[in-house]
Amino acid sequence: MAEQKIRYHLPGLRYNYPLNMFWVSLLETHPEFFRDGIEIASFFGCFPLSLWNGGRLCPKDDQCDAAFVMNVIKNINAKNIPIRYTFTNPLITEADLDDEFCNFCLKAGDNGKNEVLVFSPILEEYVRKNYPSYAIDSSTCKEIRDVETLNKEIEKDYKYVVLDYNFNNKWDILDGLQHREKIEVLVNCLCTPECKRRGGHYELVGKNQRIIMKNRQAPPDKQIPIIPWGCEYGDKNCLFTIKDYPTFISPEMIEQEYLPRGYNNFKIEGRTANLFSLIETYCYFMLKPECVGEARLLLLRNLEDMHVINVAKPKPSKFVLP
């Protein structure tokens, strides 16, 4: 019997791009560091500033140029890994479909290798019609909590359906789902279980993204303030604070519970996570525990050499007697 792969979908096309590319290299050069069957299934995210992006708000002062977009797509695809656009803004209108930058991003990756995560039916129809080479994935942002509705979603023409995190570890529900090869499970959701504000947060991201776009065209005295958002859970949580959540999934649970049930696609969130927090998350889920220290040191040295991490040195000065 062939080994069943544990397929991870990793966050970041922009800020985590150096980390993700090194991670692929580490898997190629040091497979002995990794747990059995680990495979990188996609990198998901957006190129700022994308109006269609959802789930996480990009910094207001960031913008990718065309060369960066094309180079990232080329390099990731060269590793036989899809890029997956998180075009999950729930507030898309018909007028938004003409967005120049988002259409450029789709054209740049229109090679039959890539995917789009969707929420809005308007945008989904547009992508299917105008960019048919893309595989379409259904986003967890839809917050599908009804089992009957979920089964109908799985039956649709999606490559993957990302499960609402509140279904995690609910074996009576998971044992009743069909087409488990299409289901993607979010393993490290930072939201507190049964969060009532999650949907509102997604909508606020969409609203603030539109505000940022408008402000770029307005003089300073005409700019609109970003709508504030605070969360005592998601803003402070990390791998080590969520392990007691009933929605948390450990590597051992993946190997002992999910794989035998036919679930082998797993999503790690963290597009805007702290770099060091994300490194710990990658190490925890994908590396053998006894190899974490050596691999982490190799990774940090590499990121320092690439100037992703800058270690400040003491500034020299002249000696003067006091």
C-alpha atoms as a PDB file:
ATOM      1  CA  MET A   1       0.000   0.000   0.000  1.00  0.00           C
ATOM      2  CA  ALA A   2       1.382   3.394  -1.018  1.00  0.00           C
ATOM      3  CA  GLU A   3       2.210   5.877   1.713  1.00  0.00           C
ATOM      4  CA  GLN A   4      -0.608   8.374   2.239  1.00  0.00           C
ATOM      5  CA  LYS A   5       0.623  11.931   1.946  1.00  0.00           C
ATOM      6  CA  ILE A   6      -0.041  14.610   4.545  1.00  0.00           C
ATOM      7  CA  ARG A   7      -0.613  17.622   2.320  1.00  0.00           C
ATOM      8  CA  TYR A   8      -0.110  21.055   3.878  1.00  0.00           C
ATOM      9  CA  HIS A   9      -1.389  24.316   2.410  1.00  0.00           C
ATOM     10  CA  LEU A  10       0.882  27.100   3.673  1.00  0.00           C
ATOM     11  CA  PRO A  11       0.213  30.840   4.087  1.00  0.00           C
ATOM     12  CA  GLY A  12       1.889  33.571   2.134  1.00  0.00           C
ATOM     13  CA  LEU A  13       2.741  34.811  -1.354  1.00  0.00           C
ATOM     14  CA  ARG A  14       4.242  38.071  -0.128  1.00  0.00           C
ATOM     15  CA  TYR A  15       5.520  38.329   3.444  1.00  0.00           C
ATOM     16  CA  ASN A  16       6.175  34.629   3.996  1.00  0.00           C
ATOM     17  CA  TYR A  17       7.533  33.995   0.518  1.00  0.00           C
ATOM     18  CA  PRO A  18      11.223  33.684   1.593  1.00  0.00           C
ATOM     19  CA  LEU A  19      10.289  31.386   4.479  1.00  0.00           C
ATOM     20  CA  ASN A  20       8.090  29.212   2.278  1.00  0.00           C
ATOM     21  CA  MET A  21      10.674  28.843  -0.464  1.00  0.00           C
ATOM     22  CA  PHE A  22      13.317  27.893   2.079  1.00  0.00           C
ATOM     23  CA  TRP A  23      10.884  25.401   3.609  1.00  0.00           C
ATOM     24  CA  VAL A  24      10.493  23.691   0.229  1.00  0.00           C
ATOM     25  CA  SER A  25      14.265  23.596  -0.121  1.00  0.00           C
ATOM     26  CA  LEU A  26      14.594  22.124   3.373  1.00  0.00           C
ATOM     27  CA  LEU A  27      12.149  19.363   2.476  1.00  0.00           C
ATOM     28  CA  GLU A  28      14.156  18.616  -0.677  1.00  0.00           C
ATOM     29  CA  THR A  29      17.587  18.624   0.941  1.00  0.00           C
ATOM     30  CA  HIS A  30      16.771  17.244   4.393  1.00  0.00           C
ATOM     31  CA  PRO A  31      13.755  14.950   4.085  1.00  0.00           C
ATOM     32  CA  GLU A  32      15.018  13.132   7.182  1.00  0.00           C
ATOM     33  CA  PHE A  33      13.985  16.169   9.265  1.00  0.00           C
ATOM     34  CA  PHE A  34      10.325  15.742   8.320  1.00  0.00           C
ATOM     35  CA  ARG A  35       7.558  13.512   9.535  1.00  0.00           C
ATOM     36  CA  ASP A  36       6.597  10.716   7.158  1.00  0.00           C
ATOM     37  CA  GLY A  37       4.538  11.650   4.130  1.00  0.00           C
ATOM     38  CA  ILE A  38       4.791  15.454   4.354  1.00  0.00           C
ATOM     39  CA  GLU A  39       3.997  17.279   1.115  1.00  0.00           C
ATOM     40  CA  ILE A  40       3.504  20.970   0.319  1.00  0.00           C
ATOM     41  CA  ALA A  41       0.190  21.236  -1.520  1.00  0.00           C
ATOM     42  CA  SER A  42      -0.059  24.992  -2.136  1.00  0.00           C
ATOM     43  CA  PHE A  43       0.912  28.465  -0.997  1.00  0.00           C
ATOM     44  CA  PHE A  44      -2.125  30.669  -0.455  1.00  0.00           C
ATOM     45  CA  GLY A  45      -2.526  34.415  -0.146  1.00  0.00           C
ATOM     46  CA  CYS A  46      -2.538  37.507  -2.318  1.00  0.00           C
ATOM     47  CA  PHE A  47      -0.248  40.139  -3.751  1.00  0.00           C
ATOM     48  CA  PRO A  48      -0.959  43.461  -2.038  1.00  0.00           C
ATOM     49  CA  LEU A  49      -2.926  45.403  -2.598  1.00  0.00           C
ATOM     50  CA  SER A  50      -5.685  43.191  -4.008  1.00  0.00           C
ATOM     51  CA  LEU A  51      -9.233  44.483  -3.653  1.00  0.00           C
ATOM     52  CA  TRP A  52     -10.602  40.950  -3.994  1.00  0.00           C
ATOM     53  CA  ASN A  53      -8.447  39.619  -1.155  1.00  0.00           C
ATOM     54  CA  GLY A  54     -10.228  38.445   1.985  1.00  0.00           C
ATOM     55  CA  GLY A  55      -9.627  37.028   5.428  1.00  0.00           C
ATOM     56  CA  ARG A  56      -6.601  39.157   6.340  1.00  0.00           C
ATOM     57  CA  LEU A  57      -5.992  42.856   5.760  1.00  0.00           C
ATOM     58  CA  CYS A  58      -2.763  43.791   4.007  1.00  0.00           C
ATOM     59  CA  PRO A  59      -0.758  46.825   5.135  1.00  0.00           C
ATOM     60  CA  LYS A  60      -2.098  50.016   3.595  1.00  0.00           C
ATOM     61  CA  ASP A  61       1.299  51.150   2.291  1.00  0.00           C
ATOM     62  CA  ASP A  62       2.243  47.936   0.475  1.00  0.00           C
ATOM     63  CA  GLN A  63       1.962  47.294  -3.252  1.00  0.00           C
ATOM     64  CA  CYS A  64       3.576  44.580  -5.379  1.00  0.00           C
ATOM     65  CA  ASP A  65       4.863  45.448  -8.823  1.00  0.00           C
ATOM     66  CA  ALA A  66       4.322  43.310 -11.898  1.00  0.00           C
ATOM     67  CA  ALA A  67       7.833  41.841 -11.892  1.00  0.00           C
ATOM     68  CA  PHE A  68       7.511  40.626  -8.311  1.00  0.00           C
ATOM     69  CA  VAL A  69       4.158  38.972  -8.996  1.00  0.00           C
ATOM     70  CA  MET A  70       5.387  37.144 -12.078  1.00  0.00           C
ATOM     71  CA  ASN A  71       8.636  36.066 -10.438  1.00  0.00           C
ATOM     72  CA  VAL A  72       6.912  34.605  -7.367  1.00  0.00           C
ATOM     73  CA  ILE A  73       4.426  32.686  -9.497  1.00  0.00           C
ATOM     74  CA  LYS A  74       7.201  31.347 -11.712  1.00  0.00           C
ATOM     75  CA  ASN A  75       9.383  30.231  -8.806  1.00  0.00           C
ATOM     76  CA  ILE A  76       6.588  28.544  -6.865  1.00  0.00           C
ATOM     77  CA  ASN A  77       5.168  26.793  -9.920  1.00  0.00           C
ATOM     78  CA  ALA A  78       8.676  25.603 -10.840  1.00  0.00           C
ATOM     79  CA  LYS A  79       8.527  23.536  -7.639  1.00  0.00           C
ATOM     80  CA  ASN A  80       5.268  21.969  -8.878  1.00  0.00           C
ATOM     81  CA  ILE A  81       3.378  23.831  -6.168  1.00  0.00           C
ATOM     82  CA  PRO A  82       0.237  25.832  -6.986  1.00  0.00           C
ATOM     83  CA  ILE A  83      -0.310  29.368  -5.861  1.00  0.00           C
ATOM     84  CA  ARG A  84      -3.775  29.854  -4.462  1.00  0.00           C
ATOM     85  CA  TYR A  85      -5.293  33.330  -4.471  1.00  0.00           C
ATOM     86  CA  THR A  86      -7.386  34.158  -1.397  1.00  0.00           C
ATOM     87  CA  PHE A  87      -9.948  36.144  -3.351  1.00  0.00           C
ATOM     88  CA  THR A  88     -12.515  35.764  -0.574  1.00  0.00           C
ATOM     89  CA  ASN A  89     -13.695  39.336  -0.030  1.00  0.00           C
ATOM     90  CA  PRO A  90     -17.399  38.826   0.766  1.00  0.00           C
ATOM     91  CA  LEU A  91     -18.385  42.330  -0.388  1.00  0.00           C
ATOM     92  CA  ILE A  92     -17.422  42.110  -4.075  1.00  0.00           C
ATOM     93  CA  THR A  93     -19.725  43.932  -6.495  1.00  0.00           C
ATOM     94  CA  GLU A  94     -20.082  43.681 -10.260  1.00  0.00           C
ATOM     95  CA  ALA A  95     -18.151  46.943 -10.599  1.00  0.00           C
ATOM     96  CA  ASP A  96     -15.198  45.423  -8.730  1.00  0.00           C
ATOM     97  CA  LEU A  97     -14.695  42.746 -11.379  1.00  0.00           C
ATOM     98  CA  ASP A  98     -12.823  45.241 -13.569  1.00  0.00           C
ATOM     99  CA  ASP A  99     -10.087  45.745 -10.956  1.00  0.00           C
ATOM    100  CA  GLU A 100      -6.878  46.098 -12.957  1.00  0.00           C
ATOM    101  CA  PHE A 101      -4.421  44.652 -10.450  1.00  0.00           C
ATOM    102  CA  CYS A 102      -6.494  41.592  -9.528  1.00  0.00           C
ATOM    103  CA  ASN A 103      -7.064  40.773 -13.185  1.00  0.00           C
ATOM    104  CA  PHE A 104      -3.349  41.172 -13.830  1.00  0.00           C
ATOM    105  CA  CYS A 105      -2.595  38.685 -11.034  1.00  0.00           C
ATOM    106  CA  LEU A 106      -4.998  36.170 -12.546  1.00  0.00           C
ATOM    107  CA  LYS A 107      -3.506  36.606 -16.010  1.00  0.00           C
ATOM    108  CA  ALA A 108       0.014  36.198 -14.611  1.00  0.00           C
ATOM    109  CA  GLY A 109      -0.872  32.813 -13.151  1.00  0.00           C
ATOM    110  CA  ASP A 110      -3.179  31.636 -15.924  1.00  0.00           C
ATOM    111  CA  ASN A 111      -1.178  28.537 -16.807  1.00  0.00           C
ATOM    112  CA  GLY A 112      -3.331  25.636 -15.613  1.00  0.00           C
ATOM    113  CA  LYS A 113      -1.326  25.106 -12.408  1.00  0.00           C
ATOM    114  CA  ASN A 114      -2.997  27.441  -9.945  1.00  0.00           C
ATOM    115  CA  GLU A 115      -6.100  27.913  -7.818  1.00  0.00           C
ATOM    116  CA  VAL A 116      -8.479  30.546  -6.472  1.00  0.00           C
ATOM    117  CA  LEU A 117     -10.229  30.452  -3.105  1.00  0.00           C
ATOM    118  CA  VAL A 118     -13.660  32.068  -3.431  1.00  0.00           C
ATOM    119  CA  PHE A 119     -16.476  33.339  -1.265  1.00  0.00           C
ATOM    120  CA  SER A 120     -18.509  35.718  -3.434  1.00  0.00           C
ATOM    121  CA  PRO A 121     -20.749  34.014  -6.047  1.00  0.00           C
ATOM    122  CA  ILE A 122     -20.240  37.081  -8.253  1.00  0.00           C
ATOM    123  CA  LEU A 123     -16.474  36.662  -8.303  1.00  0.00           C
ATOM    124  CA  GLU A 124     -16.651  32.876  -8.580  1.00  0.00           C
ATOM    125  CA  GLU A 125     -18.774  33.123 -11.727  1.00  0.00           C
ATOM    126  CA  TYR A 126     -16.412  35.732 -13.178  1.00  0.00           C
ATOM    127  CA  VAL A 127     -13.285  33.633 -12.570  1.00  0.00           C
ATOM    128  CA  ARG A 128     -14.875  30.472 -13.947  1.00  0.00           C
ATOM    129  CA  LYS A 129     -15.936  32.293 -17.106  1.00  0.00           C
ATOM    130  CA  ASN A 130     -12.817  34.371 -17.771  1.00  0.00           C
ATOM    131  CA  TYR A 131     -10.021  32.246 -16.266  1.00  0.00           C
ATOM    132  CA  PRO A 132     -11.162  28.630 -16.712  1.00  0.00           C
ATOM    133  CA  SER A 133      -7.650  27.213 -16.195  1.00  0.00           C
ATOM    134  CA  TYR A 134      -7.879  27.927 -12.457  1.00  0.00           C
ATOM    135  CA  ALA A 135      -9.096  25.285 -10.023  1.00  0.00           C
ATOM    136  CA  ILE A 136     -11.709  26.792  -7.710  1.00  0.00           C
ATOM    137  CA  ASP A 137     -11.718  26.190  -3.952  1.00  0.00           C
ATOM    138  CA  SER A 138     -14.486  26.997  -1.482  1.00  0.00           C
ATOM    139  CA  SER A 139     -13.315  29.152   1.424  1.00  0.00           C
ATOM    140  CA  THR A 140     -13.786  28.560   5.132  1.00  0.00           C
ATOM    141  CA  CYS A 141     -14.892  32.204   5.201  1.00  0.00           C
ATOM    142  CA  LYS A 142     -18.343  30.958   4.156  1.00  0.00           C
ATOM    143  CA  GLU A 143     -18.735  29.572   7.684  1.00  0.00           C
ATOM    144  CA  ILE A 144     -20.792  26.585   6.583  1.00  0.00           C
ATOM    145  CA  ARG A 145     -22.018  25.066   9.856  1.00  0.00           C
ATOM    146  CA  ASP A 146     -24.910  22.937   8.601  1.00  0.00           C
ATOM    147  CA  VAL A 147     -23.972  19.375   7.628  1.00  0.00           C
ATOM    148  CA  GLU A 148     -26.514  19.136   4.814  1.00  0.00           C
ATOM    149  CA  THR A 149     -25.297  22.408   3.307  1.00  0.00           C
ATOM    150  CA  LEU A 150     -21.696  21.260   3.696  1.00  0.00           C
ATOM    151  CA  ASN A 151     -22.361  18.014   1.849  1.00  0.00           C
ATOM    152  CA  LYS A 152     -23.981  19.977  -0.984  1.00  0.00           C
ATOM    153  CA  GLU A 153     -20.936  22.262  -1.104  1.00  0.00           C
ATOM    154  CA  ILE A 154     -18.610  19.272  -1.344  1.00  0.00           C
ATOM    155  CA  GLU A 155     -20.629  17.900  -4.262  1.00  0.00           C
ATOM    156  CA  LYS A 156     -20.082  21.099  -6.272  1.00  0.00           C
ATOM    157  CA  ASP A 157     -17.279  21.638  -8.764  1.00  0.00           C
ATOM    158  CA  TYR A 158     -14.625  22.627  -6.238  1.00  0.00           C
ATOM    159  CA  LYS A 159     -11.149  21.169  -6.005  1.00  0.00           C
ATOM    160  CA  TYR A 160     -11.180  21.687  -2.235  1.00  0.00           C
ATOM    161  CA  VAL A 161     -13.711  22.789   0.363  1.00  0.00           C
ATOM    162  CA  VAL A 162     -12.031  24.272   3.431  1.00  0.00           C
ATOM    163  CA  LEU A 163     -13.902  23.027   6.480  1.00  0.00           C
ATOM    164  CA  ASP A 164     -15.262  25.393   9.114  1.00  0.00           C
ATOM    165  CA  TYR A 165     -12.893  24.996  12.067  1.00  0.00           C
ATOM    166  CA  ASN A 166     -15.753  24.231  14.453  1.00  0.00           C
ATOM    167  CA  PHE A 167     -16.145  20.829  12.776  1.00  0.00           C
ATOM    168  CA  ASN A 168     -12.598  19.879  13.797  1.00  0.00           C
ATOM    169  CA  ASN A 169     -12.406  16.657  15.832  1.00  0.00           C
ATOM    170  CA  LYS A 170     -16.168  16.082  15.677  1.00  0.00           C
ATOM    171  CA  TRP A 171     -15.884  12.510  14.539  1.00  0.00           C
ATOM    172  CA  ASP A 172     -19.628  11.860  14.245  1.00  0.00           C
ATOM    173  CA  ILE A 173     -19.788  14.599  11.610  1.00  0.00           C
ATOM    174  CA  LEU A 174     -16.459  13.876   9.918  1.00  0.00           C
ATOM    175  CA  ASP A 175     -17.330  10.177   9.608  1.00  0.00           C
ATOM    176  CA  GLY A 176     -20.460  11.096   7.662  1.00  0.00           C
ATOM    177  CA  LEU A 177     -18.862  13.342   5.024  1.00  0.00           C
ATOM    178  CA  GLN A 178     -18.276  12.180   1.464  1.00  0.00           C
ATOM    179  CA  HIS A 179     -15.422  12.975  -0.937  1.00  0.00           C
ATOM    180  CA  ARG A 180     -12.953  13.456   1.902  1.00  0.00           C
ATOM    181  CA  GLU A 181     -10.123  13.927  -0.592  1.00  0.00           C
ATOM    182  CA  LYS A 182     -11.757  17.308  -1.365  1.00  0.00           C
ATOM    183  CA  ILE A 183     -11.975  18.457   2.244  1.00  0.00           C
ATOM    184  CA  GLU A 184      -9.292  20.690   3.697  1.00  0.00           C
ATOM    185  CA  VAL A 185      -8.970  21.003   7.466  1.00  0.00           C
ATOM    186  CA  LEU A 186      -7.686  24.134   9.234  1.00  0.00           C
ATOM    187  CA  VAL A 187      -5.406  22.815  11.971  1.00  0.00           C
ATOM    188  CA  ASN A 188      -4.329  25.920  13.900  1.00  0.00           C
ATOM    189  CA  CYS A 189      -7.218  28.356  13.924  1.00  0.00           C
ATOM    190  CA  LEU A 190      -6.466  31.163  16.372  1.00  0.00           C
ATOM    191  CA  CYS A 191     -10.132  32.064  16.818  1.00  0.00           C
ATOM    192  CA  THR A 192     -11.767  30.895  20.005  1.00  0.00           C
ATOM    193  CA  PRO A 193     -14.172  28.005  19.305  1.00  0.00           C
ATOM    194  CA  GLU A 194     -17.695  29.037  18.301  1.00  0.00           C
ATOM    195  CA  CYS A 195     -16.569  32.635  17.738  1.00  0.00           C
ATOM    196  CA  LYS A 196     -19.628  34.778  16.956  1.00  0.00           C
ATOM    197  CA  ARG A 197     -17.580  37.642  15.488  1.00  0.00           C
ATOM    198  CA  ARG A 198     -15.663  35.699  12.836  1.00  0.00           C
ATOM    199  CA  GLY A 199     -18.039  36.523   9.973  1.00  0.00           C
ATOM    200  CA  GLY A 200     -18.149  40.161  10.989  1.00  0.00           C
ATOM    201  CA  HIS A 201     -14.359  40.260  10.984  1.00  0.00           C
ATOM    202  CA  TYR A 202     -14.278  38.994   7.379  1.00  0.00           C
ATOM    203  CA  GLU A 203     -16.739  41.712   6.336  1.00  0.00           C
ATOM    204  CA  LEU A 204     -14.724  44.389   8.132  1.00  0.00           C
ATOM    205  CA  VAL A 205     -11.575  43.309   6.285  1.00  0.00           C
ATOM    206  CA  GLY A 206     -13.470  43.804   3.023  1.00  0.00           C
ATOM    207  CA  LYS A 207     -14.691  47.242   4.091  1.00  0.00           C
ATOM    208  CA  ASN A 208     -11.263  48.394   5.251  1.00  0.00           C
ATOM    209  CA  GLN A 209      -9.626  47.132   2.083  1.00  0.00           C
ATOM    210  CA  ARG A 210     -11.983  49.329   0.071  1.00  0.00           C
ATOM    211  CA  ILE A 211     -11.215  52.290   2.333  1.00  0.00           C
ATOM    212  CA  ILE A 212      -7.485  51.795   1.750  1.00  0.00           C
ATOM    213  CA  MET A 213      -8.030  51.746  -2.013  1.00  0.00           C
ATOM    214  CA  LYS A 214     -10.040  54.978  -1.859  1.00  0.00           C
ATOM    215  CA  ASN A 215      -7.478  56.679   0.373  1.00  0.00           C
ATOM    216  CA  ARG A 216      -4.749  56.030  -2.173  1.00  0.00           C
ATOM    217  CA  GLN A 217      -6.576  58.317  -4.565  1.00  0.00           C
ATOM    218  CA  ALA A 218      -7.429  61.005  -2.014  1.00  0.00           C
ATOM    219  CA  PRO A 219      -5.396  63.885  -0.543  1.00  0.00           C
ATOM    220  CA  PRO A 220      -4.400  63.534   3.123  1.00  0.00           C
ATOM    221  CA  ASP A 221      -7.198  65.770   4.397  1.00  0.00           C
ATOM    222  CA  LYS A 222      -9.848  63.720   2.573  1.00  0.00           C
ATOM    223  CA  GLN A 223      -8.764  60.271   3.724  1.00  0.00           C
ATOM    224  CA  ILE A 224     -11.176  58.025   5.601  1.00  0.00           C
ATOM    225  CA  PRO A 225     -10.066  56.435   8.888  1.00  0.00           C
ATOM    226  CA  ILE A 226      -9.720  52.670   8.943  1.00  0.00           C
ATOM    227  CA  ILE A 227     -12.515  51.045  10.945  1.00  0.00           C
ATOM    228  CA  PRO A 228     -10.878  49.706  14.125  1.00  0.00           C
ATOM    229  CA  TRP A 229     -11.032  46.074  15.169  1.00  0.00           C
ATOM    230  CA  GLY A 230      -9.855  44.460  18.356  1.00  0.00           C
ATOM    231  CA  CYS A 231      -9.874  40.831  19.426  1.00  0.00           C
ATOM    232  CA  GLU A 232      -8.680  39.578  22.790  1.00  0.00           C
ATOM    233  CA  TYR A 233      -8.199  36.108  21.312  1.00  0.00           C
ATOM    234  CA  GLY A 234      -6.971  36.082  17.721  1.00  0.00           C
ATOM    235  CA  ASP A 235      -4.675  39.085  18.133  1.00  0.00           C
ATOM    236  CA  LYS A 236      -2.720  37.446  20.969  1.00  0.00           C
ATOM    237  CA  ASN A 237      -3.085  33.725  20.341  1.00  0.00           C
ATOM    238  CA  CYS A 238      -0.340  31.539  18.922  1.00  0.00           C
ATOM    239  CA  LEU A 239       0.462  27.852  18.604  1.00  0.00           C
ATOM    240  CA  PHE A 240       1.101  27.521  22.347  1.00  0.00           C
ATOM    241  CA  THR A 241      -2.094  29.262  23.520  1.00  0.00           C
ATOM    242  CA  ILE A 242      -4.565  27.263  21.415  1.00  0.00           C
ATOM    243  CA  LYS A 243      -3.485  23.694  22.186  1.00  0.00           C
ATOM    244  CA  ASP A 244      -6.306  23.269  24.718  1.00  0.00           C
ATOM    245  CA  TYR A 245      -8.978  24.387  22.256  1.00  0.00           C
ATOM    246  CA  PRO A 246     -11.273  21.530  21.160  1.00  0.00           C
ATOM    247  CA  THR A 247     -10.698  22.727  17.583  1.00  0.00           C
ATOM    248  CA  PHE A 248      -6.920  22.301  17.743  1.00  0.00           C
ATOM    249  CA  ILE A 249      -5.402  19.426  15.771  1.00  0.00           C
ATOM    250  CA  SER A 250      -1.999  17.982  16.644  1.00  0.00           C
ATOM    251  CA  PRO A 251       0.321  16.119  14.257  1.00  0.00           C
ATOM    252  CA  GLU A 252      -0.430  12.941  16.180  1.00  0.00           C
ATOM    253  CA  MET A 253      -4.163  13.406  15.616  1.00  0.00           C
ATOM    254  CA  ILE A 254      -3.520  13.893  11.925  1.00  0.00           C
ATOM    255  CA  GLU A 255      -1.584  10.640  11.749  1.00  0.00           C
ATOM    256  CA  GLN A 256      -3.813   8.592  14.040  1.00  0.00           C
ATOM    257  CA  GLU A 257      -7.308   9.974  13.399  1.00  0.00           C
ATOM    258  CA  TYR A 258      -7.538  12.007  10.206  1.00  0.00           C
ATOM    259  CA  LEU A 259      -5.422   9.971   7.784  1.00  0.00           C
ATOM    260  CA  PRO A 260      -7.158   6.666   8.590  1.00  0.00           C
ATOM    261  CA  ARG A 261     -10.477   8.413   7.895  1.00  0.00           C
ATOM    262  CA  GLY A 262      -9.282   9.612   4.497  1.00  0.00           C
ATOM    263  CA  TYR A 263      -8.564  13.267   5.338  1.00  0.00           C
ATOM    264  CA  ASN A 264      -5.127  14.338   4.140  1.00  0.00           C
ATOM    265  CA  ASN A 265      -5.354  18.050   3.226  1.00  0.00           C
ATOM    266  CA  PHE A 266      -4.503  20.463   6.023  1.00  0.00           C
ATOM    267  CA  LYS A 267      -4.332  24.245   6.086  1.00  0.00           C
ATOM    268  CA  ILE A 268      -2.020  26.278   8.314  1.00  0.00           C
ATOM    269  CA  GLU A 269      -3.184  29.851   8.801  1.00  0.00           C
ATOM    270  CA  GLY A 270      -0.717  32.697   9.277  1.00  0.00           C
ATOM    271  CA  ARG A 271      -0.513  35.070   6.304  1.00  0.00           C
ATOM    272  CA  THR A 272       0.027  38.028   8.616  1.00  0.00           C
ATOM    273  CA  ALA A 273       1.476  36.079  11.554  1.00  0.00           C
ATOM    274  CA  ASN A 274       4.669  36.991  13.360  1.00  0.00           C
ATOM    275  CA  LEU A 275       7.553  35.354  11.494  1.00  0.00           C
ATOM    276  CA  PHE A 276       8.946  33.556  14.552  1.00  0.00           C
ATOM    277  CA  SER A 277       5.500  32.324  15.541  1.00  0.00           C
ATOM    278  CA  LEU A 278       4.993  30.904  12.066  1.00  0.00           C
ATOM    279  CA  ILE A 279       8.385  29.182  12.135  1.00  0.00           C
ATOM    280  CA  GLU A 280       7.398  27.449  15.379  1.00  0.00           C
ATOM    281  CA  THR A 281       4.105  26.389  13.803  1.00  0.00           C
ATOM    282  CA  TYR A 282       5.787  24.919  10.717  1.00  0.00           C
ATOM    283  CA  CYS A 283       8.311  23.074  12.877  1.00  0.00           C
ATOM    284  CA  TYR A 284       5.624  21.690  15.175  1.00  0.00           C
ATOM    285  CA  PHE A 285       3.383  20.295  12.450  1.00  0.00           C
ATOM    286  CA  MET A 286       5.867  19.087   9.879  1.00  0.00           C
ATOM    287  CA  LEU A 287       9.162  18.184  11.561  1.00  0.00           C
ATOM    288  CA  LYS A 288      10.130  15.215  13.669  1.00  0.00           C
ATOM    289  CA  PRO A 289      10.410  16.504  17.268  1.00  0.00           C
ATOM    290  CA  GLU A 290      14.023  15.361  17.574  1.00  0.00           C
ATOM    291  CA  CYS A 291      14.984  17.359  14.450  1.00  0.00           C
ATOM    292  CA  VAL A 292      13.302  20.663  15.294  1.00  0.00           C
ATOM    293  CA  GLY A 293      16.330  22.312  16.907  1.00  0.00           C
ATOM    294  CA  GLU A 294      18.762  21.582  14.070  1.00  0.00           C
ATOM    295  CA  ALA A 295      16.263  22.523  11.377  1.00  0.00           C
ATOM    296  CA  ARG A 296      15.244  25.739  13.143  1.00  0.00           C
ATOM    297  CA  LEU A 297      18.876  26.838  13.473  1.00  0.00           C
ATOM    298  CA  LEU A 298      19.496  26.126   9.782  1.00  0.00           C
ATOM    299  CA  LEU A 299      16.383  28.091   8.894  1.00  0.00           C
ATOM    300  CA  LEU A 300      17.230  31.118  11.037  1.00  0.00           C
ATOM    301  CA  ARG A 301      20.777  31.286   9.690  1.00  0.00           C
ATOM    302  CA  ASN A 302      19.441  31.168   6.161  1.00  0.00           C
ATOM    303  CA  LEU A 303      16.899  33.918   6.816  1.00  0.00           C
ATOM    304  CA  GLU A 304      19.644  36.052   8.366  1.00  0.00           C
ATOM    305  CA  ASP A 305      21.858  35.530   5.304  1.00  0.00           C
ATOM    306  CA  MET A 306      18.927  36.585   3.107  1.00  0.00           C
ATOM    307  CA  HIS A 307      18.433  39.694   5.285  1.00  0.00           C
ATOM    308  CA  VAL A 308      14.902  38.621   6.111  1.00  0.00           C
ATOM    309  CA  ILE A 309      16.062  38.684   9.739  1.00  0.00           C
ATOM    310  CA  ASN A 310      18.403  41.514  10.660  1.00  0.00           C
ATOM    311  CA  VAL A 311      20.501  41.021  13.778  1.00  0.00           C
ATOM    312  CA  ALA A 312      21.680  44.388  15.046  1.00  0.00           C
ATOM    313  CA  LYS A 313      25.360  44.719  15.937  1.00  0.00           C
ATOM    314  CA  PRO A 314      26.731  47.167  18.532  1.00  0.00           C
ATOM    315  CA  LYS A 315      27.794  50.442  16.956  1.00  0.00           C
ATOM    316  CA  PRO A 316      31.528  51.195  17.362  1.00  0.00           C
ATOM    317  CA  SER A 317      32.550  54.403  19.078  1.00  0.00           C
ATOM    318  CA  LYS A 318      35.691  56.149  20.285  1.00  0.00           C
ATOM    319  CA  PHE A 319      37.028  55.558  23.754  1.00  0.00           C
ATOM    320  CA  VAL A 320      36.936  58.697  25.899  1.00  0.00           C
ATOM    321  CA  LEU A 321      37.983  58.793  29.505  1.00  0.00           C
ATOM    322  CA  PRO A 322      35.078  59.635  31.805  1.00  0.00           C
END
